[in-house]
Amino acid sequence: MPFSFGIIDIIDIICVALVLFYCYRLMRNSRSLNIFVGIIIFALVWLIVSRVLQMKLLGTILDKLASAGIIALVVIFQDEVRRFFYNLGSSQRSGFMRFLFRNRGDKKVSLDNIAAVVAATMTMSRKKIGALIVLERNVHLDDIVASGDAIDAKINQRLIENIFFKNSPLHDGAMVISDHRIKAVGCILPLSSDTEIPKYLGLRHRAAKGVSERSDAVSIIVSEETGAISMCIKGIFKLNLTAEELEKTIIEEMKK
């Protein structure tokens, strides 16, 4: 049978290339990149052995390994798989689906509340009081809220400072803000497994990155060692922010 190559084949190749490129972008900043490259090499060898050279014995062995490897891939890349589907669902291209299933409640934070958060953050920065504040957006953080102490209080500068005061029983963990309210404090956040996080960034930064990788939340961190202010959005850090930069970034992100 003669070899045929048509428009469907071209579209097929382009789609596979786009999927591989998207997976590469998703994993290039994580420790899974080398594993991903290894899988691509294995797949190429498998195709050459089974389809091009048609080596029956070795091809059968590789076929069996590939069949069993699907389950192993889900285990190895569970964080990346979760992130892939989250990014797919939150993409700007899926606006129609988000319109159908969007949350009717207003999760945004008002300008007055942002000013209170920024003022408290700057005060804690000057005093080198460690803090971790999470601003909920479209993705619910109910499981994280449940891990802490619910207070459901108005956003207030003095209250934020008192909660994170070193001798306060609630200063450990994260504060979650949603619906113009401080929902809970002392919350436990998922830690990021990214090995590329600089070593001078502490556990608060790793927790902030972890929650931002699993949701669209905006995380604000105050370093207890240096007093430096940072933010983490979609797994990307913004370090050493000034009050103006912090306020501007919060306003821009909470509009999305």
C-alpha atoms as a PDB file:
ATOM      1  CA  MET A   1       0.000   0.000   0.000  1.00  0.00           C
ATOM      2  CA  PRO A   2       1.600   3.351  -1.035  1.00  0.00           C
ATOM      3  CA  PHE A   3       2.420   5.849   1.658  1.00  0.00           C
ATOM      4  CA  SER A   4      -0.051   8.759   1.696  1.00  0.00           C
ATOM      5  CA  PHE A   5       0.344  12.086   3.464  1.00  0.00           C
ATOM      6  CA  GLY A   6      -2.543  14.526   3.553  1.00  0.00           C
ATOM      7  CA  ILE A   7      -3.899  17.574   5.356  1.00  0.00           C
ATOM      8  CA  ILE A   8      -5.177  15.469   8.278  1.00  0.00           C
ATOM      9  CA  ASP A   9      -1.642  14.195   8.884  1.00  0.00           C
ATOM     10  CA  ILE A  10      -0.303  17.746   8.920  1.00  0.00           C
ATOM     11  CA  ILE A  11      -2.945  18.795  11.444  1.00  0.00           C
ATOM     12  CA  ASP A  12      -2.158  15.691  13.514  1.00  0.00           C
ATOM     13  CA  ILE A  13       1.556  16.548  13.635  1.00  0.00           C
ATOM     14  CA  ILE A  14       0.861  20.178  14.544  1.00  0.00           C
ATOM     15  CA  CYS A  15      -1.500  19.149  17.374  1.00  0.00           C
ATOM     16  CA  VAL A  16       1.044  16.709  18.816  1.00  0.00           C
ATOM     17  CA  ALA A  17       3.770  19.356  18.593  1.00  0.00           C
ATOM     18  CA  LEU A  18       1.597  21.903  20.402  1.00  0.00           C
ATOM     19  CA  VAL A  19       0.744  19.418  23.164  1.00  0.00           C
ATOM     20  CA  LEU A  20       4.420  18.531  23.637  1.00  0.00           C
ATOM     21  CA  PHE A  21       5.413  22.200  23.680  1.00  0.00           C
ATOM     22  CA  TYR A  22       2.712  23.000  26.241  1.00  0.00           C
ATOM     23  CA  CYS A  23       3.883  20.111  28.439  1.00  0.00           C
ATOM     24  CA  TYR A  24       7.454  21.344  28.135  1.00  0.00           C
ATOM     25  CA  ARG A  25       6.453  24.865  29.223  1.00  0.00           C
ATOM     26  CA  LEU A  26       4.524  23.411  32.141  1.00  0.00           C
ATOM     27  CA  MET A  27       7.468  21.342  33.378  1.00  0.00           C
ATOM     28  CA  ARG A  28      10.531  23.376  32.426  1.00  0.00           C
ATOM     29  CA  ASN A  29      10.692  25.043  35.863  1.00  0.00           C
ATOM     30  CA  SER A  30      10.154  21.847  37.818  1.00  0.00           C
ATOM     31  CA  ARG A  31      12.248  18.810  38.617  1.00  0.00           C
ATOM     32  CA  SER A  32      10.031  16.752  36.297  1.00  0.00           C
ATOM     33  CA  LEU A  33      11.563  18.186  33.131  1.00  0.00           C
ATOM     34  CA  ASN A  34      14.340  15.578  32.906  1.00  0.00           C
ATOM     35  CA  ILE A  35      11.774  12.805  33.353  1.00  0.00           C
ATOM     36  CA  PHE A  36       9.653  14.345  30.608  1.00  0.00           C
ATOM     37  CA  VAL A  37      12.641  14.468  28.232  1.00  0.00           C
ATOM     38  CA  GLY A  38      13.397  10.831  29.078  1.00  0.00           C
ATOM     39  CA  ILE A  39       9.820   9.853  28.213  1.00  0.00           C
ATOM     40  CA  ILE A  40      10.066  11.645  24.856  1.00  0.00           C
ATOM     41  CA  ILE A  41      13.283   9.755  24.066  1.00  0.00           C
ATOM     42  CA  PHE A  42      11.631   6.452  25.059  1.00  0.00           C
ATOM     43  CA  ALA A  43       8.630   7.238  22.835  1.00  0.00           C
ATOM     44  CA  LEU A  44      10.873   7.989  19.856  1.00  0.00           C
ATOM     45  CA  VAL A  45      12.821   4.758  20.338  1.00  0.00           C
ATOM     46  CA  TRP A  46       9.551   2.844  20.705  1.00  0.00           C
ATOM     47  CA  LEU A  47       8.187   4.272  17.435  1.00  0.00           C
ATOM     48  CA  ILE A  48      11.401   3.532  15.530  1.00  0.00           C
ATOM     49  CA  VAL A  49      11.632  -0.027  16.861  1.00  0.00           C
ATOM     50  CA  SER A  50       7.937  -0.896  16.452  1.00  0.00           C
ATOM     51  CA  ARG A  51       6.901   1.055  13.364  1.00  0.00           C
ATOM     52  CA  VAL A  52      10.022   1.745  11.310  1.00  0.00           C
ATOM     53  CA  LEU A  53      12.312  -1.235  11.960  1.00  0.00           C
ATOM     54  CA  GLN A  54       9.383  -3.522  12.907  1.00  0.00           C
ATOM     55  CA  MET A  55      11.459  -5.497  15.411  1.00  0.00           C
ATOM     56  CA  LYS A  56       8.789  -7.837  16.793  1.00  0.00           C
ATOM     57  CA  LEU A  57      10.398  -9.063  20.018  1.00  0.00           C
ATOM     58  CA  LEU A  58      11.811  -5.758  21.230  1.00  0.00           C
ATOM     59  CA  GLY A  59       8.733  -3.964  19.934  1.00  0.00           C
ATOM     60  CA  THR A  60       6.447  -6.243  21.978  1.00  0.00           C
ATOM     61  CA  ILE A  61       8.497  -5.598  25.126  1.00  0.00           C
ATOM     62  CA  LEU A  62       8.344  -1.838  24.595  1.00  0.00           C
ATOM     63  CA  ASP A  63       4.596  -2.079  23.889  1.00  0.00           C
ATOM     64  CA  LYS A  64       4.060  -3.766  27.275  1.00  0.00           C
ATOM     65  CA  LEU A  65       6.216  -1.176  29.048  1.00  0.00           C
ATOM     66  CA  ALA A  66       4.301   1.643  27.407  1.00  0.00           C
ATOM     67  CA  SER A  67       0.936   0.138  28.411  1.00  0.00           C
ATOM     68  CA  ALA A  68       1.967  -0.208  32.054  1.00  0.00           C
ATOM     69  CA  GLY A  69       3.708   3.158  32.004  1.00  0.00           C
ATOM     70  CA  ILE A  70       0.466   5.156  31.737  1.00  0.00           C
ATOM     71  CA  ILE A  71      -0.356   4.486  35.383  1.00  0.00           C
ATOM     72  CA  ALA A  72       3.204   5.302  36.422  1.00  0.00           C
ATOM     73  CA  LEU A  73       3.022   8.621  34.557  1.00  0.00           C
ATOM     74  CA  VAL A  74      -0.120   9.658  36.420  1.00  0.00           C
ATOM     75  CA  VAL A  75       1.649   8.959  39.735  1.00  0.00           C
ATOM     76  CA  ILE A  76       4.889  10.696  38.735  1.00  0.00           C
ATOM     77  CA  PHE A  77       3.236  13.750  37.207  1.00  0.00           C
ATOM     78  CA  GLN A  78       0.224  14.083  39.495  1.00  0.00           C
ATOM     79  CA  ASP A  79       1.000  17.718  40.358  1.00  0.00           C
ATOM     80  CA  GLU A  80       1.658  18.585  36.726  1.00  0.00           C
ATOM     81  CA  VAL A  81      -1.521  16.809  35.592  1.00  0.00           C
ATOM     82  CA  ARG A  82      -3.530  18.781  38.146  1.00  0.00           C
ATOM     83  CA  ARG A  83      -1.867  22.004  37.012  1.00  0.00           C
ATOM     84  CA  PHE A  84      -2.483  21.135  33.348  1.00  0.00           C
ATOM     85  CA  PHE A  85      -6.230  20.754  33.791  1.00  0.00           C
ATOM     86  CA  TYR A  86      -6.384  23.806  36.044  1.00  0.00           C
ATOM     87  CA  ASN A  87      -4.603  25.922  33.415  1.00  0.00           C
ATOM     88  CA  LEU A  88      -6.850  24.459  30.730  1.00  0.00           C
ATOM     89  CA  GLY A  89      -9.965  25.402  32.668  1.00  0.00           C
ATOM     90  CA  SER A  90      -8.727  28.859  33.679  1.00  0.00           C
ATOM     91  CA  SER A  91      -7.381  29.805  30.258  1.00  0.00           C
ATOM     92  CA  GLN A  92      -8.707  32.971  28.693  1.00  0.00           C
ATOM     93  CA  ARG A  93      -9.723  30.845  25.716  1.00  0.00           C
ATOM     94  CA  SER A  94     -12.234  28.999  27.879  1.00  0.00           C
ATOM     95  CA  GLY A  95     -14.154  32.160  28.706  1.00  0.00           C
ATOM     96  CA  PHE A  96     -17.468  30.703  27.562  1.00  0.00           C
ATOM     97  CA  MET A  97     -17.180  27.748  29.952  1.00  0.00           C
ATOM     98  CA  ARG A  98     -16.194  30.061  32.781  1.00  0.00           C
ATOM     99  CA  PHE A  99     -19.236  32.193  31.933  1.00  0.00           C
ATOM    100  CA  LEU A 100     -21.476  29.147  32.260  1.00  0.00           C
ATOM    101  CA  PHE A 101     -19.951  27.885  35.525  1.00  0.00           C
ATOM    102  CA  ARG A 102     -18.600  31.066  37.104  1.00  0.00           C
ATOM    103  CA  ASN A 103     -19.220  31.810  40.750  1.00  0.00           C
ATOM    104  CA  ARG A 104     -21.877  34.503  41.108  1.00  0.00           C
ATOM    105  CA  GLY A 105     -20.435  35.714  44.394  1.00  0.00           C
ATOM    106  CA  ASP A 106     -18.036  38.671  44.418  1.00  0.00           C
ATOM    107  CA  LYS A 107     -14.637  37.425  45.554  1.00  0.00           C
ATOM    108  CA  LYS A 108     -12.866  40.713  44.877  1.00  0.00           C
ATOM    109  CA  VAL A 109     -11.275  42.877  47.525  1.00  0.00           C
ATOM    110  CA  SER A 110     -12.264  46.557  47.655  1.00  0.00           C
ATOM    111  CA  LEU A 111      -9.736  49.388  47.416  1.00  0.00           C
ATOM    112  CA  ASP A 112     -10.184  50.180  51.116  1.00  0.00           C
ATOM    113  CA  ASN A 113      -9.476  46.579  52.027  1.00  0.00           C
ATOM    114  CA  ILE A 114      -6.431  46.515  49.757  1.00  0.00           C
ATOM    115  CA  ALA A 115      -5.145  49.661  51.442  1.00  0.00           C
ATOM    116  CA  ALA A 116      -5.573  48.013  54.856  1.00  0.00           C
ATOM    117  CA  VAL A 117      -3.695  44.900  53.725  1.00  0.00           C
ATOM    118  CA  VAL A 118      -0.867  46.966  52.222  1.00  0.00           C
ATOM    119  CA  ALA A 119      -0.571  49.174  55.315  1.00  0.00           C
ATOM    120  CA  ALA A 120      -0.453  46.158  57.635  1.00  0.00           C
ATOM    121  CA  THR A 121       2.091  44.463  55.378  1.00  0.00           C
ATOM    122  CA  MET A 122       4.380  47.503  55.400  1.00  0.00           C
ATOM    123  CA  THR A 123       4.180  47.778  59.192  1.00  0.00           C
ATOM    124  CA  MET A 124       5.019  44.099  59.621  1.00  0.00           C
ATOM    125  CA  SER A 125       7.858  44.512  57.126  1.00  0.00           C
ATOM    126  CA  ARG A 126       9.433  47.326  59.145  1.00  0.00           C
ATOM    127  CA  LYS A 127       9.147  45.282  62.342  1.00  0.00           C
ATOM    128  CA  LYS A 128      10.295  42.057  60.599  1.00  0.00           C
ATOM    129  CA  ILE A 129       7.161  40.166  61.558  1.00  0.00           C
ATOM    130  CA  GLY A 130       6.656  37.115  59.364  1.00  0.00           C
ATOM    131  CA  ALA A 131       3.298  36.904  57.615  1.00  0.00           C
ATOM    132  CA  LEU A 132       1.515  34.975  54.877  1.00  0.00           C
ATOM    133  CA  ILE A 133      -1.737  36.348  53.443  1.00  0.00           C
ATOM    134  CA  VAL A 134      -3.739  34.562  50.738  1.00  0.00           C
ATOM    135  CA  LEU A 135      -6.310  36.447  48.663  1.00  0.00           C
ATOM    136  CA  GLU A 136      -8.914  34.092  47.213  1.00  0.00           C
ATOM    137  CA  ARG A 137     -10.121  34.757  43.693  1.00  0.00           C
ATOM    138  CA  ASN A 138     -12.221  32.410  41.518  1.00  0.00           C
ATOM    139  CA  VAL A 139     -10.987  29.057  42.828  1.00  0.00           C
ATOM    140  CA  HIS A 140     -12.472  28.163  46.215  1.00  0.00           C
ATOM    141  CA  LEU A 141     -10.073  27.600  49.100  1.00  0.00           C
ATOM    142  CA  ASP A 142     -12.605  25.954  51.423  1.00  0.00           C
ATOM    143  CA  ASP A 143     -10.267  23.059  52.260  1.00  0.00           C
ATOM    144  CA  ILE A 144      -7.524  25.498  53.260  1.00  0.00           C
ATOM    145  CA  VAL A 145      -9.949  27.624  55.280  1.00  0.00           C
ATOM    146  CA  ALA A 146     -11.105  24.464  57.092  1.00  0.00           C
ATOM    147  CA  SER A 147      -7.516  23.705  58.117  1.00  0.00           C
ATOM    148  CA  GLY A 148      -7.280  26.907  60.179  1.00  0.00           C
ATOM    149  CA  ASP A 149      -9.328  28.870  62.698  1.00  0.00           C
ATOM    150  CA  ALA A 150     -12.401  30.561  61.233  1.00  0.00           C
ATOM    151  CA  ILE A 151     -12.906  34.140  62.369  1.00  0.00           C
ATOM    152  CA  ASP A 152     -14.943  35.770  59.533  1.00  0.00           C
ATOM    153  CA  ALA A 153     -13.929  39.317  60.464  1.00  0.00           C
ATOM    154  CA  LYS A 154     -13.763  42.643  58.650  1.00  0.00           C
ATOM    155  CA  ILE A 155     -10.450  43.415  56.990  1.00  0.00           C
ATOM    156  CA  ASN A 156      -8.667  45.744  59.362  1.00  0.00           C
ATOM    157  CA  GLN A 157      -5.034  46.848  59.526  1.00  0.00           C
ATOM    158  CA  ARG A 158      -4.709  46.517  63.306  1.00  0.00           C
ATOM    159  CA  LEU A 159      -6.406  43.125  63.309  1.00  0.00           C
ATOM    160  CA  ILE A 160      -4.002  41.785  60.666  1.00  0.00           C
ATOM    161  CA  GLU A 161      -1.000  43.088  62.597  1.00  0.00           C
ATOM    162  CA  ASN A 162      -2.256  41.624  65.877  1.00  0.00           C
ATOM    163  CA  ILE A 163      -2.908  38.212  64.320  1.00  0.00           C
ATOM    164  CA  PHE A 164       0.646  37.986  62.979  1.00  0.00           C
ATOM    165  CA  PHE A 165       2.238  39.438  66.113  1.00  0.00           C
ATOM    166  CA  LYS A 166       4.977  37.057  67.257  1.00  0.00           C
ATOM    167  CA  ASN A 167       3.335  36.250  70.577  1.00  0.00           C
ATOM    168  CA  SER A 168      -0.118  35.761  69.080  1.00  0.00           C
ATOM    169  CA  PRO A 169      -1.385  32.158  69.192  1.00  0.00           C
ATOM    170  CA  LEU A 170      -2.699  32.561  65.626  1.00  0.00           C
ATOM    171  CA  HIS A 171       0.432  33.947  63.942  1.00  0.00           C
ATOM    172  CA  ASP A 172       1.564  30.594  62.556  1.00  0.00           C
ATOM    173  CA  GLY A 173       0.091  29.562  59.227  1.00  0.00           C
ATOM    174  CA  ALA A 174      -1.663  31.641  56.590  1.00  0.00           C
ATOM    175  CA  MET A 175      -4.505  34.136  56.618  1.00  0.00           C
ATOM    176  CA  VAL A 176      -7.189  33.657  53.945  1.00  0.00           C
ATOM    177  CA  ILE A 177      -9.159  36.682  52.731  1.00  0.00           C
ATOM    178  CA  SER A 178     -12.329  36.261  50.657  1.00  0.00           C
ATOM    179  CA  ASP A 179     -15.663  38.034  50.150  1.00  0.00           C
ATOM    180  CA  HIS A 180     -14.262  41.236  51.694  1.00  0.00           C
ATOM    181  CA  ARG A 181     -13.653  39.299  54.919  1.00  0.00           C
ATOM    182  CA  ILE A 182     -10.825  37.620  56.789  1.00  0.00           C
ATOM    183  CA  LYS A 183     -12.178  34.082  56.592  1.00  0.00           C
ATOM    184  CA  ALA A 184      -9.604  32.150  58.618  1.00  0.00           C
ATOM    185  CA  VAL A 185      -6.131  32.330  60.118  1.00  0.00           C
ATOM    186  CA  GLY A 186      -3.508  29.756  61.026  1.00  0.00           C
ATOM    187  CA  CYS A 187      -4.328  27.884  57.796  1.00  0.00           C
ATOM    188  CA  ILE A 188      -2.124  25.114  56.445  1.00  0.00           C
ATOM    189  CA  LEU A 189      -1.069  25.520  52.806  1.00  0.00           C
ATOM    190  CA  PRO A 190       0.211  22.841  50.420  1.00  0.00           C
ATOM    191  CA  LEU A 191       3.975  23.089  49.957  1.00  0.00           C
ATOM    192  CA  SER A 192       5.451  23.369  46.495  1.00  0.00           C
ATOM    193  CA  SER A 193       7.737  20.521  45.423  1.00  0.00           C
ATOM    194  CA  ASP A 194       9.697  22.795  43.077  1.00  0.00           C
ATOM    195  CA  THR A 195      13.420  22.284  43.774  1.00  0.00           C
ATOM    196  CA  GLU A 196      14.315  25.477  41.895  1.00  0.00           C
ATOM    197  CA  ILE A 197      13.033  27.752  44.673  1.00  0.00           C
ATOM    198  CA  PRO A 198      16.054  29.761  45.932  1.00  0.00           C
ATOM    199  CA  LYS A 199      17.359  28.461  49.246  1.00  0.00           C
ATOM    200  CA  TYR A 200      17.249  31.892  50.860  1.00  0.00           C
ATOM    201  CA  LEU A 201      13.450  31.828  50.569  1.00  0.00           C
ATOM    202  CA  GLY A 202      11.862  30.122  53.554  1.00  0.00           C
ATOM    203  CA  LEU A 203       8.912  27.868  54.252  1.00  0.00           C
ATOM    204  CA  ARG A 204       6.382  30.689  53.875  1.00  0.00           C
ATOM    205  CA  HIS A 205       7.531  31.257  50.296  1.00  0.00           C
ATOM    206  CA  ARG A 206       7.308  27.543  49.509  1.00  0.00           C
ATOM    207  CA  ALA A 207       3.770  27.442  50.948  1.00  0.00           C
ATOM    208  CA  ALA A 208       2.796  30.566  49.002  1.00  0.00           C
ATOM    209  CA  LYS A 209       4.055  28.991  45.783  1.00  0.00           C
ATOM    210  CA  GLY A 210       2.239  25.748  46.603  1.00  0.00           C
ATOM    211  CA  VAL A 211      -1.184  27.371  46.942  1.00  0.00           C
ATOM    212  CA  SER A 212      -0.630  29.561  43.869  1.00  0.00           C
ATOM    213  CA  GLU A 213       0.235  26.477  41.802  1.00  0.00           C
ATOM    214  CA  ARG A 214      -3.018  24.789  42.775  1.00  0.00           C
ATOM    215  CA  SER A 215      -5.325  27.788  42.494  1.00  0.00           C
ATOM    216  CA  ASP A 216      -5.519  31.342  41.165  1.00  0.00           C
ATOM    217  CA  ALA A 217      -5.003  32.812  44.646  1.00  0.00           C
ATOM    218  CA  VAL A 218      -2.667  35.743  45.239  1.00  0.00           C
ATOM    219  CA  SER A 219      -0.185  35.159  48.064  1.00  0.00           C
ATOM    220  CA  ILE A 220       1.589  37.911  50.001  1.00  0.00           C
ATOM    221  CA  ILE A 221       4.661  37.029  52.077  1.00  0.00           C
ATOM    222  CA  VAL A 222       6.599  39.041  54.654  1.00  0.00           C
ATOM    223  CA  SER A 223       9.983  37.583  55.522  1.00  0.00           C
ATOM    224  CA  GLU A 224      10.669  37.253  59.238  1.00  0.00           C
ATOM    225  CA  GLU A 225      14.444  37.341  58.638  1.00  0.00           C
ATOM    226  CA  THR A 226      14.729  40.356  56.322  1.00  0.00           C
ATOM    227  CA  GLY A 227      11.308  41.998  56.342  1.00  0.00           C
ATOM    228  CA  ALA A 228      11.237  41.792  52.543  1.00  0.00           C
ATOM    229  CA  ILE A 229       7.786  41.723  50.914  1.00  0.00           C
ATOM    230  CA  SER A 230       7.057  39.214  48.159  1.00  0.00           C
ATOM    231  CA  MET A 231       4.090  37.973  46.175  1.00  0.00           C
ATOM    232  CA  CYS A 232       3.442  34.682  44.432  1.00  0.00           C
ATOM    233  CA  ILE A 233       0.965  34.483  41.553  1.00  0.00           C
ATOM    234  CA  LYS A 234       0.500  31.326  39.464  1.00  0.00           C
ATOM    235  CA  GLY A 235       3.721  29.936  40.879  1.00  0.00           C
ATOM    236  CA  ILE A 236       5.803  32.989  39.970  1.00  0.00           C
ATOM    237  CA  PHE A 237       7.449  35.151  42.634  1.00  0.00           C
ATOM    238  CA  LYS A 238       7.624  38.933  42.700  1.00  0.00           C
ATOM    239  CA  LEU A 239      10.344  39.755  45.220  1.00  0.00           C
ATOM    240  CA  ASN A 240      11.355  42.833  47.236  1.00  0.00           C
ATOM    241  CA  LEU A 241       8.225  44.845  46.527  1.00  0.00           C
ATOM    242  CA  THR A 242       7.627  48.423  47.623  1.00  0.00           C
ATOM    243  CA  ALA A 243       4.278  49.592  48.987  1.00  0.00           C
ATOM    244  CA  GLU A 244       3.367  51.103  45.607  1.00  0.00           C
ATOM    245  CA  GLU A 245       4.314  47.949  43.703  1.00  0.00           C
ATOM    246  CA  LEU A 246       2.420  45.751  46.163  1.00  0.00           C
ATOM    247  CA  GLU A 247      -0.760  47.821  45.971  1.00  0.00           C
ATOM    248  CA  LYS A 248      -0.616  48.122  42.168  1.00  0.00           C
ATOM    249  CA  THR A 249      -0.089  44.374  41.700  1.00  0.00           C
ATOM    250  CA  ILE A 250      -2.928  43.450  44.058  1.00  0.00           C
ATOM    251  CA  ILE A 251      -5.341  45.797  42.282  1.00  0.00           C
ATOM    252  CA  GLU A 252      -4.351  44.473  38.860  1.00  0.00           C
ATOM    253  CA  GLU A 253      -4.606  40.823  39.871  1.00  0.00           C
ATOM    254  CA  MET A 254      -7.897  41.133  41.747  1.00  0.00           C
ATOM    255  CA  LYS A 255      -9.529  42.656  38.665  1.00  0.00           C
ATOM    256  CA  LYS A 256      -8.929  39.473  36.679  1.00  0.00           C
END
